[in-house]
Structure formats: C-alpha cells, structure tokens
Amino acid sequence: MSSELMVRPSFTICGAGLAGTLAALYLARQGHCVTLYERNPDLRAAAVPRGRSINLALSTRGLHALDAIGLAATIRPLTIPMRGRMIHSPQGELTFQPYGRTAEETIFSISRQQLNCALLDAAARWPNLEIHFSARCVGLNLSAMTLDIEDAPARTTRQVSAQTVVGADGAFSAVRQALQRAERYDYAQSFLPHGYKELTIPALPDGSHALEKNYLHIWPRQDFMLIALPNLDGSFTCTLFLAYEGPESFAGLTDDDAIRGFFDRHFPDVTPLMPTLLDDFKRNPTGAMVTIRCFPWQYAGRVVLVGDAAHAVVPFYGQGMNASFEDCFVLDECLRRHNGDTTAAFLDYQRQRKVNADALAELAYENYLEMRAKVASPWFLLRRRLEYALSGLVGDRFLPLYTMVSFTRIPYAEARARAERQARWLDAALATSALIACLALLWLLWRRLG
C-alpha cells in the first residue's frame, strides 16, 4: 500500500449490500483506506435465503453511477431489458404499456444477488478495501467513535475504532439508531398495510421463458397485485403484494385450498405456470414494506448515511436501488468538491439528497396505487397516450413523470414538481377541449333544429 493511501482519511462502512459496496468502491478509488463490515456470509459462496428479494429494475440513475465507477459494462450482461408493462386482465387479455417514448428508454431486470456479487468482486480487487463477512454492526459510540461488531459464527462482540463511518446497513440501521440518540433527531417510519410474498415461474423444459421476457408483467386487481420480472435462467421472479388483514389477505390464505382458490380466481392465466406455487407460498416469508424518513443524515463530519439507512422507500417505482446508487455518486462528488473535508462534504451531500429522497418516497407510494388499480383504467391509458403524444410534439419541454424519474437524472423533487405543473396544464387543456366540443355540439344541434 502506498504512503499516499496510508495518510488519507479512513472510512468504515457498515453494510456490504448494494449501496455499501458501491460506496466502498468510490471511496477506495479516491485513495481512502476502507473497511467494510457485513452481517451476512459472503454471497458469492453462501446460499441465498429464500423469498427475501424483489427483483431489481436498473434504470438511468443506477446505470450512471455504475458507469462512473467503470462497472456498467460488467453489469449490463447480467440484465434483461424490459420495454414496458404487460398488463394481464382477469380474463387473460394483454395490454402493453411502453415505459418510454422510444425503444431506447428501457429499464433492466437484474437479480439482487448477481448484482451484489459483481460489486463484491470489484471490491475485492482494491488493495485498500478490506471486507469482513458475518460481522454485524450492533452499535456505535459517537463520542468515542467505536463500533460494536458482532461475530455471528463465534457469537462474540468486539469493539473497533473508526475515523469516519458510513451507515449503509439498511432500513433498521444500527448506525442511524446511534444518531437517533443524539439531540433533536427527526425520525419517522410508516409501514404499508400490505406485505409481499416471493413466488416463481420456472423456465420451460427447453430453458426458455414461459412469458414474453422483455416486459414487467403485472396482474393489477385493485387492492392487490402480482408482478413478474424475468431472470437470465429463463425463470421469472414473481411478487404478490397483498393486505395482511381483510377479506382478501394473507390472513385468509392459511391452507392449500385457500391459496389455490385465491390464485385460480384472480390469476387464472399464470397459476398453471407456477408448479411450486404452494411450496413457495408456504415456505417463503411474508415481507413488510416500510418508508423511513430521518434527519440529519450526518453527524459532525464523522458519520453519514446512504441508501435505505437514510431513506427506505416502498419498491413501486423501482427506484430504491437507483436512488441509493445515486447517493454514492453524489457523495463521491461532494468529497471531491470539498477536497476530502468530510464536514463540508456531508452537509453538501445531505442538502442535495434529503429533499429528493422525500420526493421519491411520495412517488413510490403513488405508483403503488397506480400499478395495482389505475393501469387497467381506460382513462389512465388515454391520459398516458396523450402525455407521450405531447412529449413527441414538443420534446423535452413536456416530459412524462415516469420519463423524468427513470430515464433522466432530473432530481426527484424537481421531476415531481414539474409533473404537477404539467398535470394542471393538461387538466386545463382537457377541460377546455371538452367545453369547446360541447359548444360545437350545441351549435350543430341549434343549426339542425333551426
């Protein structure tokens, strides 16, 4: 290790998931000594727990952050392009809704495990980056700047000193919990009344996909929905989003007949493609979905939060990972801009990202309502076509919200505010058009009767 690497500030990162590992890569590239602690065994050698992942949708923001660190070319072969939503009606009818205005505006399905493994492989190549697996951060002493690290196999806990800590340890972050004990810390969490269950459509005997592979398939059913994202091995990872309690809920699906009957009633076209449905449903856990807001995201230039530790969101805009990757890119920019002054850099990063994370939380919840109910509405389809037609006519002066979020790097808050202005303009234009049409009809009737 060079003397330059030894004298630069060191960083300790808690969490070697997607955000933590990408943050480690950016910091290592700047020449910092980086130590990464991960509570789970090495994903590249250990079995992955069943049913714990909703497949990821990689879009422009995430790809940009990967490209900036030189990994986009490595990651792209692990993805499957999805050109839009394929909507499945209760009668089995299909409706295609493109994501973008052109074929180039595409999002990409990718396995969380494959992506995380690729990031870990990249991290292993840096001599100034050290990773400890099965080592969970269970506490942080802010005054002493020491971390309590639990060794899972040995069931022991040791203290380690840290100069600067990055909390990338997820929605229930131990690093953030230490910040919450500081004075005047704002924190709020909100769970959806719906949970999720991972299911599988396996590949056909010849290895091909049982459904068209270049779409995100959605079975919207008003109060619940099923989605399916393609995998490279010919399978689809499916996710059922359903209320915990109520007439149609997880609470009522307690035996084989109830589970089979529910799927036969609501998803008759897909049930025959899921031979392991009952086993998957009973063995895979029901996951909870939470939105977390907190402030501040940093402490005295010594601690900073990224990813879900700072801003967990529900998964319905496909932006949780993309936003976390964007965190890493912006943090890297801020550290460079402020010449490694962590106090100034962390404040700059927090100023840029907090408002946009809050906007994304609202967008993600609104998109859940859209995906489970509105995508099947004729009025929704008409309005969406009109938005894309207007964008085609006037170009970037009118951009659909989904385009701004998924296919540009316009800040989330700016995209949301701009979409609201456009919606008001569009509503006024539609109302004016309807009024003109009514007046024209009345005039024609008057002429005919006169």
Protein backbone atom coordinates (compact mmCIF):
# COMPACT_ATOMS: atom_id res chain seq x y z
CA MET A 1 0.00 0.00 0.00
CA SER A 2 1.41 3.39 -0.95
CA SER A 3 2.18 6.11 1.57
CA GLU A 4 -0.49 8.27 -0.09
CA LEU A 5 -3.15 5.68 0.75
CA MET A 6 -1.97 5.46 4.35
CA VAL A 7 -2.22 9.17 5.12
CA ARG A 8 -5.64 9.77 3.62
CA PRO A 9 -8.73 9.60 5.90
CA SER A 10 -10.03 6.12 6.53
CA PHE A 11 -13.68 5.05 6.24
CA THR A 12 -15.54 2.26 7.96
CA ILE A 13 -18.69 1.15 6.19
CA CYS A 14 -21.42 -0.86 7.89
CA GLY A 15 -23.28 -2.97 5.34
CA ALA A 16 -21.92 -4.62 2.19
CA GLY A 17 -25.20 -4.66 0.34
CA LEU A 18 -25.64 -2.74 -2.89
CA ALA A 19 -25.20 0.79 -1.54
CA GLY A 20 -22.46 -0.05 0.95
CA THR A 21 -20.32 -1.90 -1.58
CA LEU A 22 -20.69 0.78 -4.25
CA ALA A 23 -19.85 3.49 -1.69
CA ALA A 24 -16.76 1.46 -0.73
CA LEU A 25 -15.67 1.31 -4.37
CA TYR A 26 -15.99 5.08 -4.79
CA LEU A 27 -14.07 5.76 -1.58
CA ALA A 28 -11.34 3.25 -2.45
CA ARG A 29 -10.94 4.88 -5.86
CA GLN A 30 -10.32 8.21 -4.11
CA GLY A 31 -7.46 6.54 -2.23
CA HIS A 32 -9.08 6.16 1.19
CA CYS A 33 -8.50 3.11 3.32
CA VAL A 34 -11.90 1.40 3.54
CA THR A 35 -13.07 -1.30 5.93
CA LEU A 36 -16.41 -2.90 5.18
CA TYR A 37 -18.43 -4.94 7.70
CA GLU A 38 -21.30 -7.16 6.51
CA ARG A 39 -23.60 -9.14 8.80
CA ASN A 40 -24.25 -11.94 6.26
CA PRO A 41 -21.80 -14.54 4.93
CA ASP A 42 -20.17 -13.84 1.58
CA LEU A 43 -22.95 -14.01 -1.02
CA ARG A 44 -20.52 -15.43 -3.56
CA ALA A 45 -20.09 -18.61 -1.50
CA ALA A 46 -23.20 -18.88 0.68
CA ALA A 47 -26.74 -19.98 -0.10
CA VAL A 48 -29.19 -17.12 -0.51
CA PRO A 49 -32.18 -17.12 1.89
CA ARG A 50 -35.47 -17.94 0.18
CA GLY A 51 -38.02 -15.32 -0.63
CA ARG A 52 -36.20 -12.23 0.58
CA SER A 53 -35.83 -10.26 -2.64
CA ILE A 54 -38.00 -8.32 -5.04
CA ASN A 55 -36.14 -8.34 -8.35
CA LEU A 56 -34.48 -5.06 -9.15
CA ALA A 57 -35.12 -2.65 -12.02
CA LEU A 58 -31.96 -0.85 -13.06
CA SER A 59 -32.53 2.47 -14.83
CA THR A 60 -30.66 5.60 -15.86
CA ARG A 61 -29.62 6.84 -12.40
CA GLY A 62 -28.24 3.50 -11.31
CA LEU A 63 -26.52 2.86 -14.63
CA HIS A 64 -24.91 6.29 -14.48
CA ALA A 65 -23.49 5.61 -11.02
CA LEU A 66 -22.15 2.23 -12.17
CA ASP A 67 -20.69 3.72 -15.34
CA ALA A 68 -18.93 6.46 -13.35
CA ILE A 69 -17.02 3.79 -11.40
CA GLY A 70 -16.33 1.76 -14.56
CA LEU A 71 -18.77 -1.11 -13.91
CA ALA A 72 -21.65 -0.57 -16.36
CA ALA A 73 -20.05 -2.84 -18.97
CA THR A 74 -19.66 -5.59 -16.36
CA ILE A 75 -23.23 -5.29 -15.09
CA ARG A 76 -25.17 -4.97 -18.35
CA PRO A 77 -24.68 -8.65 -19.40
CA LEU A 78 -26.43 -9.61 -16.14
CA THR A 79 -29.59 -7.72 -17.09
CA ILE A 80 -32.67 -8.30 -19.23
CA PRO A 81 -34.20 -5.22 -20.90
CA MET A 82 -37.87 -4.54 -20.12
CA ARG A 83 -39.52 -2.26 -22.66
CA GLY A 84 -42.70 -1.70 -20.67
CA ARG A 85 -45.51 -3.15 -18.61
CA MET A 86 -47.55 -6.08 -19.85
CA ILE A 87 -50.92 -5.83 -18.11
CA HIS A 88 -52.86 -9.07 -17.56
CA SER A 89 -56.61 -8.63 -17.12
CA PRO A 90 -58.71 -11.10 -15.08
CA GLN A 91 -59.94 -12.51 -18.41
CA GLY A 92 -56.38 -13.09 -19.61
CA GLU A 93 -56.30 -10.17 -22.06
CA LEU A 94 -52.92 -8.47 -22.51
CA THR A 95 -52.25 -4.74 -22.80
CA PHE A 96 -48.78 -3.37 -23.46
CA GLN A 97 -47.79 -0.03 -21.91
CA PRO A 98 -44.34 1.17 -23.02
CA TYR A 99 -42.12 2.71 -20.38
CA GLY A 100 -40.52 5.28 -22.61
CA ARG A 101 -41.11 7.45 -25.62
CA THR A 102 -38.61 5.47 -27.70
CA ALA A 103 -37.21 1.94 -27.75
CA GLU A 104 -34.01 3.24 -26.14
CA GLU A 105 -35.92 4.25 -22.99
CA THR A 106 -35.79 0.85 -21.31
CA ILE A 107 -35.30 -0.41 -17.77
CA PHE A 108 -33.39 -3.57 -16.92
CA SER A 109 -34.31 -6.51 -14.71
CA ILE A 110 -31.44 -7.84 -12.62
CA SER A 111 -31.04 -10.29 -9.78
CA ARG A 112 -30.10 -8.65 -6.49
CA GLN A 113 -27.67 -11.48 -5.73
CA GLN A 114 -25.91 -11.30 -9.09
CA LEU A 115 -25.55 -7.55 -8.86
CA ASN A 116 -24.25 -7.66 -5.30
CA CYS A 117 -21.78 -10.42 -6.20
CA ALA A 118 -20.48 -8.38 -9.14
CA LEU A 119 -19.93 -5.39 -6.84
CA LEU A 120 -18.14 -7.57 -4.26
CA ASP A 121 -15.90 -8.99 -6.99
CA ALA A 122 -14.97 -5.45 -7.98
CA ALA A 123 -14.33 -4.50 -4.34
CA ALA A 124 -12.01 -7.48 -3.85
CA ARG A 125 -9.65 -6.03 -6.47
CA TRP A 126 -8.84 -2.91 -4.43
CA PRO A 127 -5.83 -3.34 -2.08
CA ASN A 128 -7.05 -0.52 0.18
CA LEU A 129 -10.51 -2.10 0.69
CA GLU A 130 -10.99 -4.80 3.32
CA ILE A 131 -14.25 -6.75 3.76
CA HIS A 132 -15.32 -8.67 6.87
CA PHE A 133 -18.29 -11.01 6.42
CA SER A 134 -20.53 -12.42 9.18
CA ALA A 135 -19.58 -9.26 11.10
CA ARG A 136 -22.59 -7.19 12.08
CA CYS A 137 -22.52 -3.67 13.44
CA VAL A 138 -24.76 -3.68 16.53
CA GLY A 139 -23.80 -0.32 18.00
CA LEU A 140 -21.90 2.93 17.51
CA ASN A 141 -20.49 5.16 20.25
CA LEU A 142 -20.47 8.64 18.73
CA SER A 143 -18.26 10.27 21.35
CA ALA A 144 -15.58 7.57 21.27
CA MET A 145 -16.14 6.70 17.58
CA THR A 146 -16.10 2.98 18.28
CA LEU A 147 -18.25 0.33 16.66
CA ASP A 148 -19.56 -2.80 18.32
CA ILE A 149 -19.07 -5.61 15.80
CA GLU A 150 -20.79 -8.91 16.40
CA ASP A 151 -19.08 -12.03 15.06
CA ALA A 152 -22.05 -14.22 14.10
CA PRO A 153 -20.34 -17.65 13.99
CA ALA A 154 -18.48 -17.11 17.28
CA ARG A 155 -21.36 -15.20 18.92
CA THR A 156 -18.90 -12.68 20.31
CA THR A 157 -18.77 -8.88 20.10
CA ARG A 158 -15.67 -6.76 19.79
CA GLN A 159 -15.03 -3.02 19.68
CA VAL A 160 -13.28 -1.40 16.74
CA SER A 161 -12.24 2.21 16.35
CA ALA A 162 -13.36 4.23 13.34
CA GLN A 163 -12.32 7.57 11.95
CA THR A 164 -15.32 8.10 9.67
CA VAL A 165 -18.39 5.84 9.48
CA VAL A 166 -20.76 5.28 6.57
CA GLY A 167 -24.08 3.74 7.60
CA ALA A 168 -25.25 1.54 4.74
CA ASP A 169 -26.82 -1.10 6.97
CA GLY A 170 -30.38 -0.93 5.73
CA ALA A 171 -33.76 0.30 6.87
CA PHE A 172 -33.18 -0.64 10.51
CA SER A 173 -29.64 0.66 10.60
CA ALA A 174 -27.66 0.39 13.84
CA VAL A 175 -25.62 3.41 12.72
CA ARG A 176 -28.75 5.51 12.32
CA GLN A 177 -30.05 4.33 15.69
CA ALA A 178 -26.94 5.86 17.24
CA LEU A 179 -27.73 9.14 15.52
CA GLN A 180 -31.32 8.94 16.77
CA ARG A 181 -29.98 9.13 20.31
CA ALA A 182 -28.34 12.45 19.52
CA GLU A 183 -30.15 15.68 20.33
CA ARG A 184 -33.04 16.87 18.13
CA TYR A 185 -33.06 13.98 15.69
CA ASP A 186 -36.14 13.56 13.48
CA TYR A 187 -37.21 10.03 12.63
CA ALA A 188 -40.43 8.52 11.26
CA GLN A 189 -41.34 5.12 9.87
CA SER A 190 -44.55 4.07 8.16
CA PHE A 191 -45.47 0.52 7.16
CA LEU A 192 -47.85 -0.30 4.33
CA PRO A 193 -50.88 -2.42 5.33
CA HIS A 194 -49.73 -4.73 2.52
CA GLY A 195 -46.91 -7.26 2.58
CA TYR A 196 -45.19 -9.17 -0.19
CA LYS A 197 -44.51 -12.81 -0.97
CA GLU A 198 -41.89 -14.03 -3.44
CA LEU A 199 -43.03 -16.74 -5.89
CA THR A 200 -41.54 -18.32 -9.02
CA ILE A 201 -42.42 -19.10 -12.62
CA PRO A 202 -39.72 -21.61 -13.62
CA ALA A 203 -38.17 -21.84 -17.06
CA LEU A 204 -39.80 -24.13 -19.61
CA PRO A 205 -38.16 -27.53 -20.22
CA ASP A 206 -36.11 -26.08 -23.09
CA GLY A 207 -34.83 -23.27 -20.84
CA SER A 208 -36.95 -20.53 -22.40
CA HIS A 209 -39.25 -18.09 -20.59
CA ALA A 210 -42.89 -19.06 -20.06
CA LEU A 211 -43.96 -15.45 -20.68
CA GLU A 212 -42.58 -12.78 -23.00
CA LYS A 213 -39.33 -11.92 -21.28
CA ASN A 214 -38.82 -8.27 -22.21
CA TYR A 215 -41.65 -6.89 -20.09
CA LEU A 216 -42.53 -6.34 -16.47
CA HIS A 217 -45.74 -8.37 -16.17
CA ILE A 218 -48.46 -7.01 -13.89
CA TRP A 219 -51.75 -8.54 -12.79
CA PRO A 220 -53.49 -5.49 -11.23
CA ARG A 221 -56.51 -6.34 -9.09
CA GLN A 222 -57.47 -3.03 -7.41
CA ASP A 223 -56.49 -3.83 -3.79
CA PHE A 224 -53.66 -6.23 -4.61
CA MET A 225 -51.45 -7.28 -7.49
CA LEU A 226 -48.95 -9.80 -8.79
CA ILE A 227 -45.84 -8.83 -10.75
CA ALA A 228 -43.21 -10.90 -12.58
CA LEU A 229 -39.70 -9.90 -13.64
CA PRO A 230 -37.52 -12.04 -15.93
CA ASN A 231 -34.27 -13.77 -14.96
CA LEU A 232 -31.38 -14.87 -17.17
CA ASP A 233 -32.02 -18.56 -16.42
CA GLY A 234 -35.45 -18.47 -18.08
CA SER A 235 -37.43 -18.10 -14.85
CA PHE A 236 -39.47 -15.18 -13.56
CA THR A 237 -39.33 -13.86 -10.02
CA CYS A 238 -42.92 -13.12 -9.07
CA THR A 239 -44.08 -11.00 -6.16
CA LEU A 240 -47.58 -10.98 -4.70
CA PHE A 241 -48.48 -7.71 -2.95
CA LEU A 242 -51.46 -8.32 -0.66
CA ALA A 243 -53.00 -6.88 2.51
CA TYR A 244 -52.08 -8.51 5.80
CA GLU A 245 -55.69 -8.45 7.02
CA GLY A 246 -59.13 -8.32 5.41
CA PRO A 247 -61.42 -10.29 3.09
CA GLU A 248 -58.65 -10.86 0.51
CA SER A 249 -55.46 -11.01 2.55
CA PHE A 250 -52.55 -13.10 3.75
CA ALA A 251 -54.54 -13.75 6.93
CA GLY A 252 -57.07 -15.78 4.95
CA LEU A 253 -54.57 -17.86 2.97
CA THR A 254 -53.80 -20.46 5.59
CA ASP A 255 -54.22 -23.79 3.76
CA ASP A 256 -53.65 -25.29 0.33
CA ASP A 257 -57.27 -24.97 -0.82
CA ALA A 258 -57.46 -21.29 0.13
CA ILE A 259 -54.16 -20.49 -1.59
CA ARG A 260 -55.02 -22.40 -4.75
CA GLY A 261 -58.54 -20.96 -4.85
CA PHE A 262 -57.25 -17.38 -4.48
CA PHE A 263 -54.82 -17.76 -7.39
CA ASP A 264 -57.34 -19.59 -9.59
CA ARG A 265 -59.88 -16.79 -9.07
CA HIS A 266 -57.59 -13.84 -9.61
CA PHE A 267 -54.66 -15.05 -11.71
CA PRO A 268 -56.02 -17.98 -13.78
CA ASP A 269 -53.60 -17.41 -16.69
CA VAL A 270 -50.47 -17.62 -14.55
CA THR A 271 -51.34 -20.32 -11.99
CA PRO A 272 -50.63 -23.20 -14.45
CA LEU A 273 -47.12 -21.76 -14.93
CA MET A 274 -46.31 -21.99 -11.20
CA PRO A 275 -45.86 -25.68 -10.31
CA THR A 276 -44.17 -24.79 -6.99
CA LEU A 277 -46.83 -22.23 -6.00
CA LEU A 278 -47.99 -23.93 -2.81
CA ASP A 279 -44.47 -24.75 -1.64
CA ASP A 280 -43.21 -21.21 -2.41
CA PHE A 281 -46.19 -19.60 -0.72
CA LYS A 282 -45.86 -21.61 2.48
CA ARG A 283 -42.07 -21.61 2.78
CA ASN A 284 -41.20 -18.05 1.72
CA PRO A 285 -41.67 -15.38 4.39
CA THR A 286 -44.14 -12.51 4.06
CA GLY A 287 -42.06 -9.35 3.79
CA ALA A 288 -43.03 -5.97 5.19
CA MET A 289 -42.68 -2.68 3.31
CA VAL A 290 -41.64 0.45 5.15
CA THR A 291 -40.97 4.09 4.36
CA ILE A 292 -38.36 5.72 6.58
CA ARG A 293 -37.62 9.43 6.83
CA CYS A 294 -34.92 10.87 9.07
CA PHE A 295 -32.83 13.98 9.54
CA PRO A 296 -29.98 14.76 9.72
CA TRP A 297 -28.19 12.20 7.61
CA GLN A 298 -24.76 13.09 9.03
CA TYR A 299 -23.07 13.80 12.29
CA ALA A 300 -20.20 16.24 12.77
CA GLY A 301 -18.38 15.17 9.61
CA ARG A 302 -17.74 11.77 11.20
CA VAL A 303 -20.86 9.75 10.29
CA VAL A 304 -23.01 9.74 7.15
CA LEU A 305 -25.94 7.60 5.96
CA VAL A 306 -26.56 6.24 2.46
CA GLY A 307 -29.26 4.11 0.89
CA ASP A 308 -32.07 2.58 2.94
CA ALA A 309 -30.41 3.66 6.19
CA ALA A 310 -31.24 7.23 5.18
CA HIS A 311 -34.38 6.83 3.09
CA ALA A 312 -36.06 3.44 2.80
CA VAL A 313 -38.95 3.59 0.34
CA VAL A 314 -41.56 1.12 -0.84
CA PRO A 315 -40.50 -0.62 -4.08
CA PHE A 316 -43.15 0.52 -6.53
CA TYR A 317 -41.20 2.99 -8.64
CA GLY A 318 -38.24 0.64 -9.00
CA GLN A 319 -36.03 3.46 -7.71
CA GLY A 320 -34.82 2.31 -4.28
CA MET A 321 -31.58 0.84 -5.61
CA ASN A 322 -31.18 3.54 -8.25
CA ALA A 323 -31.57 6.27 -5.62
CA SER A 324 -29.07 4.51 -3.36
CA PHE A 325 -26.55 4.31 -6.18
CA GLU A 326 -27.16 7.98 -6.90
CA ASP A 327 -26.38 8.67 -3.20
CA CYS A 328 -22.97 7.07 -3.69
CA PHE A 329 -22.25 9.10 -6.82
CA VAL A 330 -23.27 12.40 -5.18
CA LEU A 331 -21.31 11.63 -2.01
CA ASP A 332 -18.23 10.94 -4.12
CA GLU A 333 -18.73 14.25 -5.95
CA CYS A 334 -19.12 16.14 -2.66
CA LEU A 335 -15.96 14.65 -1.17
CA ARG A 336 -14.04 15.64 -4.30
CA ARG A 337 -15.56 19.12 -4.38
CA HIS A 338 -14.58 19.77 -0.77
CA ASN A 339 -11.12 18.18 -1.05
CA GLY A 340 -11.89 15.46 1.49
CA ASP A 341 -13.32 17.87 4.12
CA THR A 342 -15.94 15.46 5.43
CA THR A 343 -17.85 18.07 7.43
CA ALA A 344 -18.47 20.26 4.38
CA ALA A 345 -18.92 17.29 2.05
CA PHE A 346 -21.50 15.52 4.25
CA LEU A 347 -23.54 18.73 4.66
CA ASP A 348 -23.47 19.31 0.90
CA TYR A 349 -24.50 15.70 0.23
CA GLN A 350 -27.33 15.91 2.78
CA ARG A 351 -28.59 19.18 1.26
CA GLN A 352 -28.75 17.66 -2.20
CA ARG A 353 -30.21 14.27 -1.34
CA LYS A 354 -32.67 14.71 1.55
CA VAL A 355 -35.29 16.71 -0.38
CA ASN A 356 -35.10 14.30 -3.29
CA ALA A 357 -35.39 11.21 -1.10
CA ASP A 358 -38.55 12.66 0.45
CA ALA A 359 -39.97 13.29 -3.02
CA LEU A 360 -39.15 9.72 -4.06
CA ALA A 361 -40.97 8.34 -1.01
CA GLU A 362 -44.14 10.09 -2.19
CA LEU A 363 -43.66 8.99 -5.78
CA ALA A 364 -43.15 5.36 -4.76
CA TYR A 365 -46.37 5.27 -2.76
CA GLU A 366 -48.34 6.99 -5.52
CA ASN A 367 -47.02 4.48 -8.05
CA TYR A 368 -48.26 1.61 -5.90
CA LEU A 369 -51.80 2.97 -6.21
CA GLU A 370 -51.25 3.34 -9.94
CA MET A 371 -49.83 -0.15 -10.51
CA ARG A 372 -52.42 -2.13 -8.55
CA ALA A 373 -55.50 -0.25 -9.81
CA LYS A 374 -55.05 2.57 -12.33
CA VAL A 375 -53.01 0.81 -15.04
CA ALA A 376 -56.13 -1.09 -16.13
CA SER A 377 -58.27 2.09 -16.39
CA PRO A 378 -59.18 3.34 -19.90
CA TRP A 379 -58.92 6.93 -18.64
CA PHE A 380 -55.40 6.25 -17.34
CA LEU A 381 -54.38 4.76 -20.69
CA LEU A 382 -55.89 7.70 -22.62
CA ARG A 383 -54.13 10.25 -20.45
CA ARG A 384 -50.82 8.39 -20.70
CA ARG A 385 -51.06 8.27 -24.50
CA LEU A 386 -51.81 11.98 -24.55
CA GLU A 387 -48.76 12.72 -22.38
CA TYR A 388 -46.48 10.76 -24.69
CA ALA A 389 -48.05 12.38 -27.77
CA LEU A 390 -47.44 15.84 -26.32
CA SER A 391 -43.87 14.93 -25.46
CA GLY A 392 -43.39 13.73 -29.02
CA LEU A 393 -44.67 17.07 -30.34
CA VAL A 394 -42.81 19.48 -28.06
CA GLY A 395 -39.87 17.33 -26.98
CA ASP A 396 -38.24 17.88 -23.61
CA ARG A 397 -40.49 20.85 -22.82
CA PHE A 398 -43.12 18.29 -21.76
CA LEU A 399 -41.76 15.13 -20.17
CA PRO A 400 -43.96 12.43 -18.61
CA LEU A 401 -43.20 11.86 -14.93
CA TYR A 402 -42.04 8.29 -15.50
CA THR A 403 -39.62 9.50 -18.16
CA MET A 404 -38.13 12.11 -15.83
CA VAL A 405 -37.74 9.63 -12.97
CA SER A 406 -36.46 6.60 -14.88
CA PHE A 407 -34.71 7.96 -17.97
CA THR A 408 -33.16 11.23 -16.83
CA ARG A 409 -31.16 12.42 -13.85
CA ILE A 410 -33.51 15.31 -13.12
CA PRO A 411 -33.67 15.47 -9.29
CA TYR A 412 -36.71 13.62 -7.94
CA ALA A 413 -38.15 16.73 -6.24
CA GLU A 414 -37.81 18.77 -9.42
CA ALA A 415 -39.38 15.98 -11.51
CA ARG A 416 -42.34 15.71 -9.13
CA ALA A 417 -42.94 19.47 -9.06
CA ARG A 418 -42.66 19.71 -12.83
CA ALA A 419 -45.09 16.81 -13.31
CA GLU A 420 -47.62 18.53 -11.04
CA ARG A 421 -47.38 21.72 -13.14
CA GLN A 422 -47.80 19.71 -16.32
CA ALA A 423 -50.80 17.85 -14.87
CA ARG A 424 -52.54 21.14 -14.05
CA TRP A 425 -51.87 22.40 -17.55
CA LEU A 426 -53.09 19.15 -19.09
CA ASP A 427 -56.26 19.15 -16.95
CA ALA A 428 -56.99 22.70 -18.04
CA ALA A 429 -56.37 21.80 -21.69
CA LEU A 430 -58.66 18.75 -21.46
CA ALA A 431 -61.38 20.79 -19.75
CA THR A 432 -61.13 23.50 -22.40
CA SER A 433 -61.25 20.91 -25.17
CA ALA A 434 -64.31 19.29 -23.62
CA LEU A 435 -66.02 22.68 -23.33
CA ILE A 436 -65.25 23.55 -26.95
CA ALA A 437 -66.57 20.15 -28.06
CA CYS A 438 -69.81 20.67 -26.08
CA LEU A 439 -70.29 24.16 -27.51
CA ALA A 440 -69.69 22.86 -31.02
CA LEU A 441 -72.24 20.09 -30.47
CA LEU A 442 -74.79 22.56 -29.15
CA TRP A 443 -74.20 24.83 -32.12
CA LEU A 444 -74.73 21.92 -34.54
CA LEU A 445 -77.94 20.94 -32.76
CA TRP A 446 -79.17 24.53 -32.85
CA ARG A 447 -78.46 24.73 -36.60
CA ARG A 448 -80.22 21.43 -37.22
CA LEU A 449 -83.28 22.40 -35.15
CA GLY A 450 -83.36 25.93 -36.53
